[in-house]
Amino acid sequence: GQPLFCGRWCPEWALGDLENMKQLWEKFVRAVAERYDGKYDIFDVVNESYARGSWRNMEWLPIPRFELVRWLMQTAGEIFSDRTRMERNEPTPVNYGEYAKQYYEDNKRLLEEGVRLDAIGIQFHFFHGKDCLDKLIFGESNLGEIYKNYHRLSTLGVPTYISEITIPTHYVGLSREEGETLQAEILDRLYRLWFSIPSMQGIVYWNLKDGDTWQG
């Protein structure tokens, strides 16, 4: 199930008053849980709180972003039974760099504060050009960094999922056949990496077909 909360999809009529928004969201989550609790293995509670733009219409909130994430996770965790895992789902930058470190620290803090966090979702969308691929996928130091970041997350003892994937075949300067060969090589490397992580419980391949992906 995806997602219970994403800032960009928060309707305009629900904005402007934090307590009112909380009441409306809790009512919504109770309705969803009444119908779907136990029918889905996982629900993404919080979606892309780190993504630039995704929470752009939430800037009015008189509350730090982490505090809102904590409240959302805690509230949904109290409503849903343990038949459904409560997941936090964050975008591709949490695979590497400062976002990876921040994701670990934030999730560690949630757990230390007793907030229910049953699953950690990591997206891997690749909408960039081949030059970026050369640096991220085919540069051994970068794959090594990603590997270390996954292992650090696994020390939290929470199941990890690659929650969304987009690896296209269309790259400037490559034929369709060359693009498909490159896609296969990328996926081979990534799946070997993902399945080498002890906490990795599943991989959700999403956006299977070029032309029907989120960015076309």
Protein backbone atom coordinates (compact mmCIF):
# COMPACT_ATOMS: atom_id res chain seq x y z
CA GLY A 1 0.00 0.00 0.00
CA GLN A 2 1.45 3.35 -0.98
CA PRO A 3 1.43 5.92 0.53
CA LEU A 4 -0.54 7.01 3.57
CA PHE A 5 1.14 10.41 3.58
CA CYS A 6 2.99 12.40 0.96
CA GLY A 7 3.20 16.17 1.27
CA ARG A 8 2.57 16.96 -2.37
CA TRP A 9 -0.68 14.98 -2.29
CA CYS A 10 -2.05 16.66 0.81
CA PRO A 11 -5.23 18.41 -0.44
CA GLU A 12 -5.42 22.18 -0.22
CA TRP A 13 -8.54 22.08 1.95
CA ALA A 14 -6.62 20.12 4.60
CA LEU A 15 -3.81 22.65 4.89
CA GLY A 16 -3.45 25.66 7.13
CA ASP A 17 -4.08 24.20 10.56
CA LEU A 18 -1.81 21.51 11.96
CA GLU A 19 -4.22 20.03 14.49
CA ASN A 20 -7.02 19.94 11.94
CA MET A 21 -4.74 18.21 9.44
CA LYS A 22 -3.73 15.64 12.07
CA GLN A 23 -7.37 14.86 12.87
CA LEU A 24 -8.28 14.51 9.19
CA TRP A 25 -5.28 12.28 8.48
CA GLU A 26 -5.93 10.04 11.48
CA LYS A 27 -9.54 9.61 10.36
CA PHE A 28 -8.30 8.70 6.87
CA VAL A 29 -5.79 6.15 8.21
CA ARG A 30 -8.43 4.51 10.39
CA ALA A 31 -10.67 4.12 7.33
CA VAL A 32 -7.82 2.60 5.32
CA ALA A 33 -6.87 0.23 8.15
CA GLU A 34 -10.45 -0.89 8.64
CA ARG A 35 -10.59 -2.02 5.02
CA TYR A 36 -7.01 -3.12 4.27
CA ASP A 37 -5.21 -4.05 7.49
CA GLY A 38 -3.77 -7.53 6.98
CA LYS A 39 -4.57 -7.57 3.27
CA TYR A 40 -1.31 -5.82 2.40
CA ASP A 41 2.00 -7.03 3.80
CA ILE A 42 3.39 -3.49 3.95
CA PHE A 43 2.04 0.05 3.92
CA ASP A 44 4.27 3.02 3.15
CA VAL A 45 3.31 5.41 5.91
CA VAL A 46 5.61 8.29 5.01
CA ASN A 47 6.63 8.84 1.41
CA GLU A 48 9.64 10.90 0.28
CA SER A 49 10.02 13.34 3.14
CA TYR A 50 13.57 13.97 1.88
CA ALA A 51 12.59 14.60 -1.75
CA ARG A 52 12.93 18.14 -3.01
CA GLY A 53 9.49 19.43 -3.88
CA SER A 54 7.51 16.47 -2.57
CA TRP A 55 6.67 18.26 0.66
CA ARG A 56 6.73 21.73 -0.85
CA ASN A 57 3.21 22.64 0.22
CA MET A 58 3.97 21.62 3.80
CA GLU A 59 6.32 24.55 4.43
CA TRP A 60 3.65 26.25 6.50
CA LEU A 61 3.82 23.55 9.17
CA PRO A 62 4.92 24.94 12.56
CA ILE A 63 6.73 21.66 13.24
CA PRO A 64 10.13 20.26 12.17
CA ARG A 65 9.99 17.66 9.42
CA PHE A 66 11.35 14.90 11.66
CA GLU A 67 8.68 15.63 14.27
CA LEU A 68 5.97 15.24 11.65
CA VAL A 69 7.51 11.98 10.39
CA ARG A 70 7.61 10.66 13.97
CA TRP A 71 3.98 11.58 14.57
CA LEU A 72 2.86 9.99 11.30
CA MET A 73 4.74 6.74 11.93
CA GLN A 74 3.63 6.53 15.54
CA THR A 75 -0.03 7.25 14.79
CA ALA A 76 -0.28 4.76 11.92
CA GLY A 77 1.58 2.18 13.99
CA GLU A 78 -0.99 2.47 16.75
CA ILE A 79 -3.89 2.08 14.29
CA PHE A 80 -2.65 -0.81 12.15
CA SER A 81 -2.15 -4.27 13.63
CA ASP A 82 1.14 -6.14 13.37
CA ARG A 83 -0.30 -8.04 10.40
CA THR A 84 0.79 -5.09 8.25
CA ARG A 85 4.31 -3.70 8.33
CA MET A 86 4.64 0.05 8.69
CA GLU A 87 7.33 1.33 6.28
CA ARG A 88 9.08 4.62 5.76
CA ASN A 89 9.84 5.13 2.07
CA GLU A 90 12.53 7.58 0.98
CA PRO A 91 13.99 8.58 -2.42
CA THR A 92 17.16 7.56 -4.25
CA PRO A 93 19.57 10.04 -2.54
CA VAL A 94 19.36 7.98 0.69
CA ASN A 95 21.54 5.36 -1.04
CA TYR A 96 24.65 7.52 -0.77
CA GLY A 97 26.23 10.67 0.65
CA GLU A 98 24.85 12.81 3.45
CA TYR A 99 21.26 11.68 2.91
CA ALA A 100 22.30 8.07 3.64
CA LYS A 101 23.85 9.13 6.93
CA GLN A 102 20.81 11.24 7.81
CA TYR A 103 18.43 8.38 6.98
CA TYR A 104 20.31 6.09 9.34
CA GLU A 105 20.37 8.66 12.12
CA ASP A 106 16.68 9.53 11.77
CA ASN A 107 15.57 5.89 11.78
CA LYS A 108 17.83 5.12 14.73
CA ARG A 109 16.23 7.99 16.62
CA LEU A 110 12.71 6.77 15.79
CA LEU A 111 13.52 3.33 17.17
CA GLU A 112 15.20 4.73 20.28
CA GLU A 113 12.06 6.78 20.97
CA GLY A 114 9.87 3.70 20.70
CA VAL A 115 8.22 4.59 17.40
CA ARG A 116 7.00 1.61 15.39
CA LEU A 117 9.16 1.18 12.30
CA ASP A 118 8.68 -2.28 10.75
CA ALA A 119 10.40 -1.68 7.42
CA ILE A 120 12.85 0.72 5.83
CA GLY A 121 12.18 1.53 2.17
CA ILE A 122 14.91 2.68 -0.21
CA GLN A 123 14.08 3.83 -3.73
CA PHE A 124 16.43 3.45 -6.69
CA HIS A 125 15.08 5.51 -9.58
CA PHE A 126 17.55 6.32 -12.31
CA PHE A 127 16.34 9.10 -14.60
CA HIS A 128 19.82 10.45 -15.30
CA GLY A 129 22.17 10.22 -18.27
CA LYS A 130 24.87 7.67 -18.99
CA ASP A 131 27.58 9.92 -17.55
CA CYS A 132 25.90 9.64 -14.15
CA LEU A 133 25.68 5.88 -14.55
CA ASP A 134 29.41 5.70 -15.18
CA LYS A 135 30.05 7.44 -11.88
CA LEU A 136 27.40 5.77 -9.71
CA ILE A 137 27.11 2.21 -11.02
CA PHE A 138 30.41 1.54 -12.72
CA GLY A 139 32.63 3.37 -10.26
CA GLU A 140 33.67 0.77 -7.71
CA SER A 141 34.11 3.35 -4.95
CA ASN A 142 30.50 4.45 -5.31
CA LEU A 143 29.08 0.94 -5.19
CA GLY A 144 31.32 0.35 -2.19
CA GLU A 145 29.88 3.41 -0.46
CA ILE A 146 26.32 2.26 -1.14
CA TYR A 147 27.21 -1.19 0.20
CA LYS A 148 28.53 0.31 3.44
CA ASN A 149 25.43 2.49 3.81
CA TYR A 150 23.12 -0.52 3.46
CA HIS A 151 25.13 -2.44 6.05
CA ARG A 152 24.93 0.50 8.44
CA LEU A 153 21.14 0.53 8.06
CA SER A 154 21.01 -3.22 8.65
CA THR A 155 22.53 -2.73 12.12
CA LEU A 156 19.20 -1.21 13.18
CA GLY A 157 17.65 -4.68 12.99
CA VAL A 158 14.75 -3.54 10.78
CA PRO A 159 13.89 -5.31 7.49
CA THR A 160 15.06 -3.32 4.48
CA TYR A 161 13.34 -3.15 1.09
CA ILE A 162 14.30 -1.68 -2.24
CA SER A 163 10.85 -0.20 -2.60
CA GLU A 164 10.85 1.37 -6.07
CA ILE A 165 13.10 0.87 -9.09
CA THR A 166 13.40 2.60 -12.45
CA ILE A 167 16.26 1.54 -14.71
CA PRO A 168 15.41 2.67 -18.27
CA THR A 169 16.95 1.54 -21.57
CA HIS A 170 16.92 4.93 -23.30
CA TYR A 171 20.19 6.82 -23.08
CA VAL A 172 21.45 9.52 -25.42
CA GLY A 173 23.85 8.12 -27.98
CA LEU A 174 22.87 4.47 -27.48
CA SER A 175 20.75 2.28 -29.72
CA ARG A 176 17.81 0.39 -28.22
CA GLU A 177 19.83 -2.82 -28.22
CA GLU A 178 22.79 -1.12 -26.52
CA GLY A 179 20.44 0.42 -23.98
CA GLU A 180 18.92 -2.96 -23.12
CA THR A 181 22.39 -4.47 -22.72
CA LEU A 182 23.37 -1.61 -20.39
CA GLN A 183 20.13 -2.01 -18.41
CA ALA A 184 20.87 -5.71 -17.92
CA GLU A 185 24.38 -5.01 -16.68
CA ILE A 186 23.17 -2.35 -14.26
CA LEU A 187 20.52 -4.65 -12.84
CA ASP A 188 22.97 -7.52 -12.52
CA ARG A 189 25.28 -5.37 -10.42
CA LEU A 190 22.48 -3.88 -8.33
CA TYR A 191 20.73 -7.17 -7.57
CA ARG A 192 24.02 -8.75 -6.49
CA LEU A 193 24.57 -5.76 -4.22
CA TRP A 194 21.04 -5.75 -2.79
CA PHE A 195 20.91 -9.47 -2.10
CA SER A 196 24.27 -9.33 -0.30
CA ILE A 197 22.70 -7.25 2.51
CA PRO A 198 21.52 -9.39 5.48
CA SER A 199 18.52 -7.17 6.27
CA MET A 200 17.23 -7.06 2.66
CA GLN A 201 13.78 -8.68 2.69
CA GLY A 202 12.48 -7.77 -0.74
CA ILE A 203 12.90 -5.84 -3.96
CA VAL A 204 9.90 -4.22 -5.64
CA TYR A 205 10.60 -3.66 -9.33
CA TRP A 206 8.32 -0.84 -10.44
CA ASN A 207 8.25 0.98 -13.73
CA LEU A 208 8.93 -2.15 -15.76
CA LYS A 209 8.34 -0.70 -19.21
CA ASP A 210 9.98 2.27 -20.94
CA GLY A 211 7.44 4.88 -22.01
CA ASP A 212 5.11 4.18 -19.09
CA THR A 213 7.46 5.21 -16.31
CA TRP A 214 6.79 8.17 -14.07
CA GLN A 215 8.90 10.49 -16.23
CA GLY A 216 7.83 8.93 -19.54
